Amino acid sequence: MASRKGDYFGLSYIVSIILAIIPITAWICGIITRFQDGKIIAGILRIFFGAWIIWLIDLILMIVSKHILRIIPV
């Protein structure tokens, strides 16, 4: 798999931050990117717990470390 320059679909940091701030887009993009990375369990967890818990963690990690939450490192 090719290396990504951003977390959401290889988008830039600023675009990924904007998508991460809006809860519904962060939830949808998070689910899709987990399944694209082959992380089925992480995608399923994102479906059930991603609305608030993982969204807040993703937002903080995106701002601080420029990466969304990864259960298993890429």
PDB file of N, CA and C in Angstrom:
ATOM      1  N   MET A   1       0.840  -1.176   0.000  1.00  0.00           N
ATOM      2  CA  MET A   1       0.000   0.000   0.000  1.00  0.00           C
ATOM      3  C   MET A   1       0.887   1.242   0.000  1.00  0.00           C
ATOM      4  N   ALA A   2       0.529   2.205  -0.766  1.00  0.00           N
ATOM      5  CA  ALA A   2       1.307   3.436  -0.869  1.00  0.00           C
ATOM      6  C   ALA A   2       1.202   4.241   0.412  1.00  0.00           C
ATOM      7  N   SER A   3       2.246   4.996   0.698  1.00  0.00           N
ATOM      8  CA  SER A   3       2.212   5.817   1.901  1.00  0.00           C
ATOM      9  C   SER A   3       1.248   6.982   1.712  1.00  0.00           C
ATOM     10  N   ARG A   4       0.627   7.361   2.797  1.00  0.00           N
ATOM     11  CA  ARG A   4      -0.339   8.449   2.767  1.00  0.00           C
ATOM     12  C   ARG A   4       0.308   9.720   3.255  1.00  0.00           C
ATOM     13  N   LYS A   5      -0.142  10.844   2.709  1.00  0.00           N
ATOM     14  CA  LYS A   5       0.370  12.110   3.208  1.00  0.00           C
ATOM     15  C   LYS A   5      -0.557  12.708   4.251  1.00  0.00           C
ATOM     16  N   GLY A   6      -1.790  12.207   4.345  1.00  0.00           N
ATOM     17  CA  GLY A   6      -2.751  12.659   5.341  1.00  0.00           C
ATOM     18  C   GLY A   6      -3.543  11.470   5.839  1.00  0.00           C
ATOM     19  N   ASP A   7      -4.412  11.698   6.790  1.00  0.00           N
ATOM     20  CA  ASP A   7      -5.155  10.584   7.357  1.00  0.00           C
ATOM     21  C   ASP A   7      -6.426  10.250   6.604  1.00  0.00           C
ATOM     22  N   TYR A   8      -7.188  11.224   6.197  1.00  0.00           N
ATOM     23  CA  TYR A   8      -8.432  10.937   5.493  1.00  0.00           C
ATOM     24  C   TYR A   8      -8.190  10.929   3.999  1.00  0.00           C
ATOM     25  N   PHE A   9      -8.106   9.735   3.418  1.00  0.00           N
ATOM     26  CA  PHE A   9      -7.970   9.530   1.974  1.00  0.00           C
ATOM     27  C   PHE A   9      -6.737  10.189   1.376  1.00  0.00           C
ATOM     28  N   GLY A  10      -5.703  10.401   2.169  1.00  0.00           N
ATOM     29  CA  GLY A  10      -4.487  11.033   1.670  1.00  0.00           C
ATOM     30  C   GLY A  10      -4.616  12.533   1.489  1.00  0.00           C
ATOM     31  N   LEU A  11      -5.646  13.124   2.082  1.00  0.00           N
ATOM     32  CA  LEU A  11      -5.845  14.568   1.971  1.00  0.00           C
ATOM     33  C   LEU A  11      -4.852  15.315   2.856  1.00  0.00           C
ATOM     34  N   SER A  12      -4.731  16.597   2.642  1.00  0.00           N
ATOM     35  CA  SER A  12      -3.789  17.395   3.420  1.00  0.00           C
ATOM     36  C   SER A  12      -4.229  17.502   4.882  1.00  0.00           C
ATOM     37  N   TYR A  13      -3.320  17.972   5.703  1.00  0.00           N
ATOM     38  CA  TYR A  13      -3.568  18.104   7.141  1.00  0.00           C
ATOM     39  C   TYR A  13      -4.733  19.049   7.414  1.00  0.00           C
ATOM     40  N   ILE A  14      -4.794  20.178   6.746  1.00  0.00           N
ATOM     41  CA  ILE A  14      -5.843  21.168   6.978  1.00  0.00           C
ATOM     42  C   ILE A  14      -7.212  20.598   6.601  1.00  0.00           C
ATOM     43  N   VAL A  15      -7.311  19.942   5.464  1.00  0.00           N
ATOM     44  CA  VAL A  15      -8.581  19.349   5.038  1.00  0.00           C
ATOM     45  C   VAL A  15      -8.990  18.236   6.009  1.00  0.00           C
ATOM     46  N   SER A  16      -8.028  17.440   6.455  1.00  0.00           N
ATOM     47  CA  SER A  16      -8.329  16.382   7.421  1.00  0.00           C
ATOM     48  C   SER A  16      -8.824  16.961   8.738  1.00  0.00           C
ATOM     49  N   ILE A  17      -8.255  18.073   9.178  1.00  0.00           N
ATOM     50  CA  ILE A  17      -8.711  18.738  10.410  1.00  0.00           C
ATOM     51  C   ILE A  17     -10.146  19.217  10.241  1.00  0.00           C
ATOM     52  N   ILE A  18     -10.449  19.833   9.104  1.00  0.00           N
ATOM     53  CA  ILE A  18     -11.803  20.330   8.862  1.00  0.00           C
ATOM     54  C   ILE A  18     -12.801  19.173   8.872  1.00  0.00           C
ATOM     55  N   LEU A  19     -12.444  18.067   8.226  1.00  0.00           N
ATOM     56  CA  LEU A  19     -13.317  16.900   8.224  1.00  0.00           C
ATOM     57  C   LEU A  19     -13.444  16.286   9.620  1.00  0.00           C
ATOM     58  N   ALA A  20     -12.387  16.355  10.419  1.00  0.00           N
ATOM     59  CA  ALA A  20     -12.415  15.786  11.766  1.00  0.00           C
ATOM     60  C   ALA A  20     -13.229  16.638  12.737  1.00  0.00           C
ATOM     61  N   ILE A  21     -13.346  17.920  12.486  1.00  0.00           N
ATOM     62  CA  ILE A  21     -14.099  18.797  13.383  1.00  0.00           C
ATOM     63  C   ILE A  21     -15.604  18.526  13.290  1.00  0.00           C
ATOM     64  N   ILE A  22     -16.082  18.231  12.109  1.00  0.00           N
ATOM     65  CA  ILE A  22     -17.509  17.980  11.903  1.00  0.00           C
ATOM     66  C   ILE A  22     -17.785  16.515  12.262  1.00  0.00           C
ATOM     67  N   PRO A  23     -18.595  16.266  13.298  1.00  0.00           N
ATOM     68  CA  PRO A  23     -18.761  14.887  13.790  1.00  0.00           C
ATOM     69  C   PRO A  23     -19.236  13.878  12.745  1.00  0.00           C
ATOM     70  N   ILE A  24     -20.209  14.217  11.931  1.00  0.00           N
ATOM     71  CA  ILE A  24     -20.744  13.228  10.983  1.00  0.00           C
ATOM     72  C   ILE A  24     -19.731  12.890   9.893  1.00  0.00           C
ATOM     73  N   THR A  25     -18.991  13.888   9.408  1.00  0.00           N
ATOM     74  CA  THR A  25     -17.974  13.594   8.395  1.00  0.00           C
ATOM     75  C   THR A  25     -16.805  12.827   8.996  1.00  0.00           C
ATOM     76  N   ALA A  26     -16.456  13.144  10.236  1.00  0.00           N
ATOM     77  CA  ALA A  26     -15.381  12.412  10.903  1.00  0.00           C
ATOM     78  C   ALA A  26     -15.779  10.958  11.103  1.00  0.00           C
ATOM     79  N   TRP A  27     -17.037  10.720  11.436  1.00  0.00           N
ATOM     80  CA  TRP A  27     -17.527   9.364  11.646  1.00  0.00           C
ATOM     81  C   TRP A  27     -17.504   8.569  10.342  1.00  0.00           C
ATOM     82  N   ILE A  28     -18.028   9.167   9.288  1.00  0.00           N
ATOM     83  CA  ILE A  28     -18.078   8.481   7.990  1.00  0.00           C
ATOM     84  C   ILE A  28     -16.672   8.263   7.428  1.00  0.00           C
ATOM     85  N   CYS A  29     -15.853   9.304   7.425  1.00  0.00           N
ATOM     86  CA  CYS A  29     -14.482   9.175   6.907  1.00  0.00           C
ATOM     87  C   CYS A  29     -13.670   8.201   7.741  1.00  0.00           C
ATOM     88  N   GLY A  30     -13.885   8.203   9.055  1.00  0.00           N
ATOM     89  CA  GLY A  30     -13.172   7.278   9.930  1.00  0.00           C
ATOM     90  C   GLY A  30     -13.509   5.836   9.636  1.00  0.00           C
ATOM     91  N   ILE A  31     -14.790   5.554   9.413  1.00  0.00           N
ATOM     92  CA  ILE A  31     -15.210   4.195   9.087  1.00  0.00           C
ATOM     93  C   ILE A  31     -14.599   3.751   7.761  1.00  0.00           C
ATOM     94  N   ILE A  32     -14.692   4.598   6.761  1.00  0.00           N
ATOM     95  CA  ILE A  32     -14.189   4.242   5.426  1.00  0.00           C
ATOM     96  C   ILE A  32     -12.677   4.033   5.451  1.00  0.00           C
ATOM     97  N   THR A  33     -11.940   4.916   6.129  1.00  0.00           N
ATOM     98  CA  THR A  33     -10.482   4.762   6.148  1.00  0.00           C
ATOM     99  C   THR A  33     -10.054   3.534   6.930  1.00  0.00           C
ATOM    100  N   ARG A  34     -10.787   3.171   7.998  1.00  0.00           N
ATOM    101  CA  ARG A  34     -10.445   1.946   8.736  1.00  0.00           C
ATOM    102  C   ARG A  34     -10.628   0.724   7.847  1.00  0.00           C
ATOM    103  N   PHE A  35     -11.750   0.668   7.116  1.00  0.00           N
ATOM    104  CA  PHE A  35     -11.981  -0.473   6.239  1.00  0.00           C
ATOM    105  C   PHE A  35     -10.995  -0.483   5.066  1.00  0.00           C
ATOM    106  N   GLN A  36     -10.604   0.676   4.563  1.00  0.00           N
ATOM    107  CA  GLN A  36      -9.607   0.736   3.491  1.00  0.00           C
ATOM    108  C   GLN A  36      -8.255   0.219   3.957  1.00  0.00           C
ATOM    109  N   ASP A  37      -7.916   0.490   5.218  1.00  0.00           N
ATOM    110  CA  ASP A  37      -6.643   0.017   5.771  1.00  0.00           C
ATOM    111  C   ASP A  37      -6.686  -1.469   6.111  1.00  0.00           C
ATOM    112  N   GLY A  38      -7.858  -2.099   5.964  1.00  0.00           N
ATOM    113  CA  GLY A  38      -7.992  -3.512   6.278  1.00  0.00           C
ATOM    114  C   GLY A  38      -8.214  -3.777   7.749  1.00  0.00           C
ATOM    115  N   LYS A  39      -8.577  -2.767   8.509  1.00  0.00           N
ATOM    116  CA  LYS A  39      -8.804  -2.900   9.942  1.00  0.00           C
ATOM    117  C   LYS A  39     -10.299  -3.047  10.200  1.00  0.00           C
ATOM    118  N   ILE A  40     -10.790  -4.262  10.009  1.00  0.00           N
ATOM    119  CA  ILE A  40     -12.217  -4.552  10.093  1.00  0.00           C
ATOM    120  C   ILE A  40     -12.743  -4.301  11.510  1.00  0.00           C
ATOM    121  N   ILE A  41     -12.036  -4.785  12.520  1.00  0.00           N
ATOM    122  CA  ILE A  41     -12.483  -4.602  13.904  1.00  0.00           C
ATOM    123  C   ILE A  41     -12.497  -3.129  14.268  1.00  0.00           C
ATOM    124  N   ALA A  42     -11.480  -2.386  13.860  1.00  0.00           N
ATOM    125  CA  ALA A  42     -11.453  -0.951  14.127  1.00  0.00           C
ATOM    126  C   ALA A  42     -12.608  -0.237  13.435  1.00  0.00           C
ATOM    127  N   GLY A  43     -12.962  -0.679  12.230  1.00  0.00           N
ATOM    128  CA  GLY A  43     -14.102  -0.103  11.520  1.00  0.00           C
ATOM    129  C   GLY A  43     -15.412  -0.383  12.224  1.00  0.00           C
ATOM    130  N   ILE A  44     -15.564  -1.605  12.719  1.00  0.00           N
ATOM    131  CA  ILE A  44     -16.782  -1.965  13.446  1.00  0.00           C
ATOM    132  C   ILE A  44     -16.872  -1.194  14.759  1.00  0.00           C
ATOM    133  N   LEU A  45     -15.759  -1.084  15.474  1.00  0.00           N
ATOM    134  CA  LEU A  45     -15.751  -0.277  16.699  1.00  0.00           C
ATOM    135  C   LEU A  45     -16.102   1.177  16.399  1.00  0.00           C
ATOM    136  N   ARG A  46     -15.617   1.666  15.271  1.00  0.00           N
ATOM    137  CA  ARG A  46     -15.913   3.045  14.866  1.00  0.00           C
ATOM    138  C   ARG A  46     -17.399   3.231  14.590  1.00  0.00           C
ATOM    139  N   ILE A  47     -18.045   2.215  14.037  1.00  0.00           N
ATOM    140  CA  ILE A  47     -19.485   2.302  13.764  1.00  0.00           C
ATOM    141  C   ILE A  47     -20.265   2.439  15.070  1.00  0.00           C
ATOM    142  N   PHE A  48     -19.917   1.640  16.064  1.00  0.00           N
ATOM    143  CA  PHE A  48     -20.699   1.626  17.299  1.00  0.00           C
ATOM    144  C   PHE A  48     -20.280   2.674  18.322  1.00  0.00           C
ATOM    145  N   PHE A  49     -18.983   2.990  18.422  1.00  0.00           N
ATOM    146  CA  PHE A  49     -18.509   3.923  19.440  1.00  0.00           C
ATOM    147  C   PHE A  49     -17.949   5.219  18.879  1.00  0.00           C
ATOM    148  N   GLY A  50     -17.976   5.375  17.569  1.00  0.00           N
ATOM    149  CA  GLY A  50     -17.316   6.512  16.944  1.00  0.00           C
ATOM    150  C   GLY A  50     -18.045   7.819  17.011  1.00  0.00           C
ATOM    151  N   ALA A  51     -19.323   7.784  17.351  1.00  0.00           N
ATOM    152  CA  ALA A  51     -20.102   9.017  17.330  1.00  0.00           C
ATOM    153  C   ALA A  51     -19.548  10.060  18.302  1.00  0.00           C
ATOM    154  N   TRP A  52     -19.134   9.677  19.481  1.00  0.00           N
ATOM    155  CA  TRP A  52     -18.638  10.665  20.446  1.00  0.00           C
ATOM    156  C   TRP A  52     -17.277  10.311  21.018  1.00  0.00           C
ATOM    157  N   ILE A  53     -17.105   9.095  21.463  1.00  0.00           N
ATOM    158  CA  ILE A  53     -15.865   8.729  22.152  1.00  0.00           C
ATOM    159  C   ILE A  53     -14.670   8.793  21.213  1.00  0.00           C
ATOM    160  N   ILE A  54     -14.707   8.030  20.142  1.00  0.00           N
ATOM    161  CA  ILE A  54     -13.568   7.979  19.223  1.00  0.00           C
ATOM    162  C   ILE A  54     -13.449   9.276  18.442  1.00  0.00           C
ATOM    163  N   TRP A  55     -14.585   9.952  18.181  1.00  0.00           N
ATOM    164  CA  TRP A  55     -14.531  11.242  17.484  1.00  0.00           C
ATOM    165  C   TRP A  55     -13.716  12.244  18.284  1.00  0.00           C
ATOM    166  N   LEU A  56     -13.941  12.325  19.584  1.00  0.00           N
ATOM    167  CA  LEU A  56     -13.204  13.266  20.421  1.00  0.00           C
ATOM    168  C   LEU A  56     -11.722  12.904  20.484  1.00  0.00           C
ATOM    169  N   ILE A  57     -11.422  11.622  20.612  1.00  0.00           N
ATOM    170  CA  ILE A  57     -10.022  11.171  20.642  1.00  0.00           C
ATOM    171  C   ILE A  57      -9.345  11.465  19.304  1.00  0.00           C
ATOM    172  N   ASP A  58     -10.034  11.163  18.189  1.00  0.00           N
ATOM    173  CA  ASP A  58      -9.487  11.452  16.860  1.00  0.00           C
ATOM    174  C   ASP A  58      -9.205  12.938  16.679  1.00  0.00           C
ATOM    175  N   LEU A  59     -10.133  13.773  17.113  1.00  0.00           N
ATOM    176  CA  LEU A  59      -9.963  15.214  16.971  1.00  0.00           C
ATOM    177  C   LEU A  59      -8.752  15.711  17.749  1.00  0.00           C
ATOM    178  N   ILE A  60      -8.600  15.269  18.981  1.00  0.00           N
ATOM    179  CA  ILE A  60      -7.450  15.684  19.801  1.00  0.00           C
ATOM    180  C   ILE A  60      -6.146  15.175  19.191  1.00  0.00           C
ATOM    181  N   LEU A  61      -6.114  13.899  18.784  1.00  0.00           N
ATOM    182  CA  LEU A  61      -4.897  13.344  18.191  1.00  0.00           C
ATOM    183  C   LEU A  61      -4.568  13.992  16.852  1.00  0.00           C
ATOM    184  N   MET A  62      -5.589  14.327  16.066  1.00  0.00           N
ATOM    185  CA  MET A  62      -5.357  14.980  14.777  1.00  0.00           C
ATOM    186  C   MET A  62      -4.700  16.342  14.984  1.00  0.00           C
ATOM    187  N   ILE A  63      -5.146  17.080  15.979  1.00  0.00           N
ATOM    188  CA  ILE A  63      -4.589  18.403  16.238  1.00  0.00           C
ATOM    189  C   ILE A  63      -3.187  18.307  16.836  1.00  0.00           C
ATOM    190  N   VAL A  64      -3.001  17.388  17.786  1.00  0.00           N
ATOM    191  CA  VAL A  64      -1.729  17.297  18.497  1.00  0.00           C
ATOM    192  C   VAL A  64      -0.658  16.562  17.696  1.00  0.00           C
ATOM    193  N   SER A  65      -0.985  15.360  17.191  1.00  0.00           N
ATOM    194  CA  SER A  65       0.052  14.536  16.560  1.00  0.00           C
ATOM    195  C   SER A  65      -0.120  14.372  15.050  1.00  0.00           C
ATOM    196  N   LYS A  66      -1.161  14.998  14.477  1.00  0.00           N
ATOM    197  CA  LYS A  66      -1.442  14.952  13.042  1.00  0.00           C
ATOM    198  C   LYS A  66      -1.792  13.557  12.534  1.00  0.00           C
ATOM    199  N   HIS A  67      -2.298  12.694  13.419  1.00  0.00           N
ATOM    200  CA  HIS A  67      -2.734  11.353  13.032  1.00  0.00           C
ATOM    201  C   HIS A  67      -4.008  11.004  13.775  1.00  0.00           C
ATOM    202  N   ILE A  68      -4.932  10.296  13.091  1.00  0.00           N
ATOM    203  CA  ILE A  68      -6.119   9.823  13.773  1.00  0.00           C
ATOM    204  C   ILE A  68      -5.772   8.576  14.567  1.00  0.00           C
ATOM    205  N   LEU A  69      -6.677   8.193  15.451  1.00  0.00           N
ATOM    206  CA  LEU A  69      -6.468   7.027  16.302  1.00  0.00           C
ATOM    207  C   LEU A  69      -6.276   5.776  15.451  1.00  0.00           C
ATOM    208  N   ARG A  70      -5.196   5.062  15.690  1.00  0.00           N
ATOM    209  CA  ARG A  70      -4.929   3.793  15.011  1.00  0.00           C
ATOM    210  C   ARG A  70      -4.828   2.719  16.084  1.00  0.00           C
ATOM    211  N   ILE A  71      -5.713   1.727  16.010  1.00  0.00           N
ATOM    212  CA  ILE A  71      -5.670   0.649  16.990  1.00  0.00           C
ATOM    213  C   ILE A  71      -4.437  -0.215  16.755  1.00  0.00           C
ATOM    214  N   ILE A  72      -4.154  -0.513  15.502  1.00  0.00           N
ATOM    215  CA  ILE A  72      -2.957  -1.252  15.136  1.00  0.00           C
ATOM    216  C   ILE A  72      -2.143  -0.317  14.236  1.00  0.00           C
ATOM    217  N   PRO A  73      -0.879  -0.030  14.576  1.00  0.00           N
ATOM    218  CA  PRO A  73      -0.085   0.903  13.772  1.00  0.00           C
ATOM    219  C   PRO A  73       0.021   0.470  12.319  1.00  0.00           C
ATOM    220  N   VAL A  74       0.057   1.453  11.437  1.00  0.00           N
ATOM    221  CA  VAL A  74       0.138   1.197   9.992  1.00  0.00           C
ATOM    222  C   VAL A  74       1.547   0.809   9.635  1.00  0.00           C
TER     223      VAL A  74
END
